[in-house]
Amino acid sequence: MIILLSNDDGYLAEGINILASHLKEIAEVIIFAPKENHSGSSSALSLHAELQIEKIAKNIYCVNGTPADTVYLGLSGFLSKEPDMVISGINHGANLGEDVLYSGTVAAAIEGRALGLPSIAVSSIMKNTDSYEVAGKITTQIVKKLSDHPLPSDTILNINVPDKSHRELNGIAATRLGTRHLSQPVIMKSNKNNIYNYKIGPPGEGKDAGPGTDFYAIADNSVSITPIQIDMTNHKILSDMELWLTE
C-alpha cells in the first residue's frame, strides 16, 4: 500500500512526521504537504498562482500552496507511483462539528476523495508529542481495518483523538458531527487612519454535543470517527421546492 500523507500545518509539523513514522509500519508513505502553515484554508485552490513542488528528501515533497493544492498535485501524475489512499494530519488541534467546513486538514482528505481515493483526516485535540503518538497508533489501526471494511466512494473519515494515553482511552466511537455555539466576537486590534484591524474570535463550545456526537465522544475520552460526505444537497426539501417553483 502507498499512502499520500498531507496536512495543513506544513511538512515540518510534528504531527505529520509522527504519523508518517507509524504508517511506515504498514505502508510506503509519501509526504506531500504545504511548505507553510495553512490552517483554516478549507478547500481553497491556488487558481491564480504558479505552484512549486520541492523535493526535500526521498518521499518528502512540499508545495507552496494550500492543503487541497498539495493533494491535487500529488494525485495528478507527478509521482511515479500511484497512491492507494490519502491521509491528512495529524492536525494540531480539534476538527469537530462545523470545524470541518474551515479545516485545511479535512479539505486535503476531501480532495483525495474527490479524486477517487479513500481518504482520512486525523486531528489531535491537544498539541503535544504524546497526543500525536496516540493518534498515530489509532490511525494505523483504522487503516488496517479498512482493508476488510473499505469506505464507500462518497465518504471521508474524520478522526479526532482526545488528550489521553492509549490505555486511558474509552474505546473508539462512530459519531456524527455535532454543532458549536457561535464563535466568540471578533477582536479589534487597532484603528488607525481609517484602517481597522481585527482578529477572528475563538470557536464556540459544543452546542449539539449530546450522545452520538463527536463532541460527546471526546468528552467521554473516546476516539471520535465521523463518516462525512461531500454531497451538501438538502434532499429532503427538493420535492417541496419543485412544487412551489412551478406555482
Protein backbone atom coordinates (compact mmCIF):
# COMPACT_ATOMS: atom_id res chain seq x y z
CA MET A 1 0.00 0.00 0.00
CA ILE A 2 1.13 3.53 -0.82
CA ILE A 3 -0.25 6.41 1.28
CA LEU A 4 -0.07 10.03 0.24
CA LEU A 5 0.22 11.97 3.50
CA SER A 6 -0.65 15.65 3.69
CA ASN A 7 -1.76 18.20 6.30
CA ASP A 8 -2.44 21.91 6.80
CA ASP A 9 0.27 22.65 9.39
CA GLY A 10 3.15 22.23 6.94
CA TYR A 11 5.54 19.41 6.08
CA LEU A 12 7.81 20.21 9.06
CA ALA A 13 4.98 19.93 11.60
CA GLU A 14 5.44 17.40 14.37
CA GLY A 15 2.05 15.79 13.82
CA ILE A 16 2.59 14.76 10.19
CA ASN A 17 6.05 13.38 10.88
CA ILE A 18 4.92 11.30 13.86
CA LEU A 19 2.01 9.98 11.81
CA ALA A 20 4.40 9.11 8.97
CA SER A 21 6.58 7.08 11.36
CA HIS A 22 3.58 5.00 12.44
CA LEU A 23 2.14 4.48 8.97
CA LYS A 24 5.51 3.29 7.66
CA GLU A 25 4.93 0.13 9.69
CA ILE A 26 2.19 -0.90 7.25
CA ALA A 27 2.71 1.11 4.07
CA GLU A 28 5.01 3.18 1.91
CA VAL A 29 4.40 6.80 2.89
CA ILE A 30 4.86 9.79 0.59
CA ILE A 31 4.63 13.15 2.36
CA PHE A 32 3.15 15.75 0.01
CA ALA A 33 2.31 18.73 2.18
CA PRO A 34 2.27 22.53 2.27
CA LYS A 35 5.52 24.38 2.73
CA GLU A 36 3.94 26.70 5.30
CA ASN A 37 1.05 26.55 7.76
CA HIS A 38 -2.34 26.84 6.03
CA SER A 39 -4.71 26.20 8.92
CA GLY A 40 -8.28 27.31 8.19
CA SER A 41 -7.78 27.40 4.43
CA SER A 42 -10.61 24.93 3.77
CA SER A 43 -10.67 23.62 0.17
CA ALA A 44 -9.06 26.65 -1.44
CA LEU A 45 -7.12 26.01 -4.67
CA SER A 46 -4.46 28.44 -5.91
CA LEU A 47 -6.04 29.05 -9.30
CA HIS A 48 -4.21 32.33 -9.98
CA ALA A 49 -0.73 31.45 -8.76
CA GLU A 50 2.08 29.24 -10.01
CA LEU A 51 2.67 26.31 -7.72
CA GLN A 52 6.11 24.90 -6.99
CA ILE A 53 6.86 21.37 -5.82
CA GLU A 54 10.13 20.97 -3.92
CA LYS A 55 11.66 17.57 -3.22
CA ILE A 56 13.07 17.66 0.31
CA ALA A 57 14.19 14.03 0.57
CA LYS A 58 13.10 10.62 -0.64
CA ASN A 59 9.28 10.50 -0.46
CA ILE A 60 9.08 14.00 1.07
CA TYR A 61 7.76 16.91 -1.01
CA CYS A 62 6.47 20.35 -0.10
CA VAL A 63 4.28 22.71 -2.11
CA ASN A 64 3.96 26.49 -1.88
CA GLY A 65 0.19 26.17 -1.78
CA THR A 66 -2.83 25.05 0.20
CA PRO A 67 -3.59 21.56 1.51
CA ALA A 68 -6.00 20.96 -1.37
CA ASP A 69 -3.28 22.09 -3.80
CA THR A 70 -0.86 19.54 -2.43
CA VAL A 71 -3.24 16.60 -2.82
CA TYR A 72 -4.36 17.76 -6.25
CA LEU A 73 -0.77 17.95 -7.46
CA GLY A 74 0.26 14.73 -5.74
CA LEU A 75 -2.52 12.79 -7.49
CA SER A 76 -2.17 14.42 -10.90
CA GLY A 77 0.66 12.40 -12.36
CA PHE A 78 3.70 13.98 -10.72
CA LEU A 79 4.53 10.88 -8.70
CA SER A 80 5.92 7.80 -10.42
CA LYS A 81 3.84 5.62 -8.06
CA GLU A 82 0.09 5.98 -7.74
CA PRO A 83 -1.08 6.22 -4.09
CA ASP A 84 -3.81 3.92 -2.79
CA MET A 85 -5.04 6.23 -0.04
CA VAL A 86 -4.85 9.83 1.16
CA ILE A 87 -4.41 10.63 4.84
CA SER A 88 -4.30 14.17 6.18
CA GLY A 89 -2.90 15.04 9.61
CA ILE A 90 -2.17 14.80 12.40
CA ASN A 91 -3.74 18.23 12.78
CA HIS A 92 -2.55 20.35 15.69
CA GLY A 93 -5.98 20.80 17.28
CA ALA A 94 -9.56 19.54 17.04
CA ASN A 95 -11.77 19.37 13.97
CA LEU A 96 -15.22 18.87 15.48
CA GLY A 97 -18.65 19.90 14.22
CA GLU A 98 -18.55 22.87 11.84
CA ASP A 99 -14.74 22.89 12.03
CA VAL A 100 -14.78 20.54 9.04
CA LEU A 101 -16.05 23.41 6.85
CA TYR A 102 -12.94 25.51 7.53
CA SER A 103 -10.28 22.90 8.15
CA GLY A 104 -7.43 22.56 5.69
CA THR A 105 -6.77 19.13 7.19
CA VAL A 106 -10.24 17.88 6.31
CA ALA A 107 -10.07 19.65 2.93
CA ALA A 108 -6.97 17.67 1.96
CA ALA A 109 -8.88 14.46 2.65
CA ILE A 110 -11.89 15.74 0.72
CA GLU A 111 -9.65 16.49 -2.26
CA GLY A 112 -8.29 12.95 -2.11
CA ARG A 113 -11.81 11.51 -2.05
CA ALA A 114 -12.90 13.79 -4.90
CA LEU A 115 -10.01 12.41 -6.96
CA GLY A 116 -11.10 8.85 -6.34
CA LEU A 117 -9.10 7.63 -3.34
CA PRO A 118 -10.26 6.55 0.12
CA SER A 119 -9.31 9.36 2.49
CA ILE A 120 -8.93 10.04 6.20
CA ALA A 121 -8.47 13.26 8.19
CA VAL A 122 -6.83 12.94 11.62
CA SER A 123 -6.76 15.55 14.38
CA SER A 124 -5.41 15.62 17.92
CA ILE A 125 -7.36 17.61 20.49
CA MET A 126 -4.16 18.72 22.23
CA LYS A 127 -0.96 19.93 20.62
CA ASN A 128 1.76 17.75 22.14
CA THR A 129 4.01 14.85 21.21
CA ASP A 130 2.29 12.28 23.42
CA SER A 131 -1.10 13.04 21.86
CA TYR A 132 0.33 12.76 18.34
CA GLU A 133 1.82 9.38 19.20
CA VAL A 134 -1.56 8.10 20.36
CA ALA A 135 -3.26 9.49 17.24
CA GLY A 136 -0.63 7.84 15.08
CA LYS A 137 -1.28 4.44 16.64
CA ILE A 138 -5.05 4.82 16.31
CA THR A 139 -4.82 5.86 12.66
CA THR A 140 -2.64 2.87 11.83
CA GLN A 141 -5.22 0.57 13.45
CA ILE A 142 -8.03 2.13 11.42
CA VAL A 143 -6.11 1.82 8.15
CA LYS A 144 -5.60 -1.89 8.84
CA LYS A 145 -9.34 -2.33 9.44
CA LEU A 146 -10.21 -0.60 6.16
CA SER A 147 -8.68 -3.47 4.20
CA ASP A 148 -11.67 -5.58 5.31
CA HIS A 149 -14.16 -2.71 5.53
CA PRO A 150 -13.49 -0.36 2.58
CA LEU A 151 -15.02 3.09 2.62
CA PRO A 152 -17.98 3.94 0.39
CA SER A 153 -16.91 6.01 -2.61
CA ASP A 154 -18.51 9.20 -1.24
CA THR A 155 -17.15 9.02 2.32
CA ILE A 156 -14.23 10.53 4.24
CA LEU A 157 -13.36 9.51 7.80
CA ASN A 158 -12.83 12.40 10.20
CA ILE A 159 -10.88 11.17 13.24
CA ASN A 160 -10.42 13.17 16.45
CA VAL A 161 -8.29 11.82 19.28
CA PRO A 162 -8.63 13.04 22.90
CA ASP A 163 -5.69 14.04 25.10
CA LYS A 164 -5.29 10.67 26.82
CA SER A 165 -2.74 7.88 26.81
CA HIS A 166 -3.63 4.82 24.77
CA ARG A 167 -4.61 2.79 27.85
CA GLU A 168 -6.77 5.65 29.17
CA LEU A 169 -8.90 5.84 26.03
CA ASN A 170 -12.52 4.78 26.42
CA GLY A 171 -12.64 2.99 23.10
CA ILE A 172 -13.42 4.22 19.59
CA ALA A 173 -16.86 5.64 18.77
CA ALA A 174 -18.63 6.01 15.43
CA THR A 175 -20.11 9.50 15.65
CA ARG A 176 -21.99 12.21 13.81
CA LEU A 177 -20.92 15.83 13.59
CA GLY A 178 -22.20 17.96 16.42
CA THR A 179 -22.51 21.74 16.28
CA ARG A 180 -20.87 24.64 18.10
CA HIS A 181 -22.26 27.75 19.71
CA LEU A 182 -21.47 30.90 17.75
CA SER A 183 -17.82 31.87 17.68
CA GLN A 184 -16.71 34.44 20.21
CA PRO A 185 -16.82 38.04 18.91
CA VAL A 186 -14.08 39.34 16.64
CA ILE A 187 -11.29 41.14 18.45
CA MET A 188 -10.37 44.65 17.35
CA LYS A 189 -6.59 45.00 17.33
CA SER A 190 -6.17 48.60 16.17
CA ASN A 191 -7.78 51.52 14.36
CA LYS A 192 -5.50 53.98 12.62
CA ASN A 193 -6.02 56.20 9.58
CA ASN A 194 -9.39 54.58 8.84
CA ILE A 195 -7.82 51.11 8.72
CA TYR A 196 -9.49 48.67 11.10
CA ASN A 197 -7.56 45.57 12.12
CA TYR A 198 -9.45 42.60 13.54
CA LYS A 199 -8.71 39.07 14.63
CA ILE A 200 -11.24 36.24 14.32
CA GLY A 201 -12.53 35.18 17.75
CA PRO A 202 -12.08 31.65 19.15
CA PRO A 203 -14.63 28.99 18.13
CA GLY A 204 -17.67 28.41 20.32
CA GLU A 205 -18.07 25.46 22.66
CA GLY A 206 -20.19 22.46 21.74
CA LYS A 207 -23.92 23.17 21.35
CA ASP A 208 -25.32 19.97 19.87
CA ALA A 209 -22.90 17.85 21.87
CA GLY A 210 -25.02 15.02 23.23
CA PRO A 211 -24.61 11.25 22.92
CA GLY A 212 -23.66 10.15 19.44
CA THR A 213 -21.81 13.35 18.54
CA ASP A 214 -18.11 13.87 18.05
CA PHE A 215 -18.10 16.37 20.93
CA TYR A 216 -19.62 13.79 23.29
CA ALA A 217 -17.09 11.12 22.33
CA ILE A 218 -14.16 13.42 23.04
CA ALA A 219 -15.66 14.48 26.39
CA ASP A 220 -16.03 10.76 27.17
CA ASN A 221 -12.32 10.21 26.40
CA SER A 222 -13.21 8.17 23.30
CA VAL A 223 -11.72 8.47 19.84
CA SER A 224 -14.33 10.01 17.54
CA ILE A 225 -14.61 8.76 13.96
CA THR A 226 -17.20 10.50 11.81
CA PRO A 227 -18.02 9.42 8.26
CA ILE A 228 -18.59 12.64 6.30
CA GLN A 229 -19.87 13.17 2.76
CA ILE A 230 -19.16 15.67 0.03
CA ASP A 231 -22.80 15.95 -1.14
CA MET A 232 -24.24 19.04 0.57
CA THR A 233 -27.64 18.94 -1.16
CA ASN A 234 -30.66 19.12 1.15
CA HIS A 235 -32.52 16.25 -0.49
CA LYS A 236 -35.43 16.47 1.99
CA ILE A 237 -36.76 19.72 0.55
CA LEU A 238 -36.23 19.05 -3.17
CA SER A 239 -39.78 17.80 -3.73
CA ASP A 240 -41.32 20.79 -1.96
CA MET A 241 -39.11 23.16 -3.95
CA GLU A 242 -40.23 21.58 -7.22
CA LEU A 243 -43.85 22.22 -6.23
CA TRP A 244 -43.55 25.89 -5.19
CA LEU A 245 -41.23 26.75 -8.06
CA THR A 246 -43.93 25.71 -10.55
CA GLU A 247 -46.79 27.58 -8.82
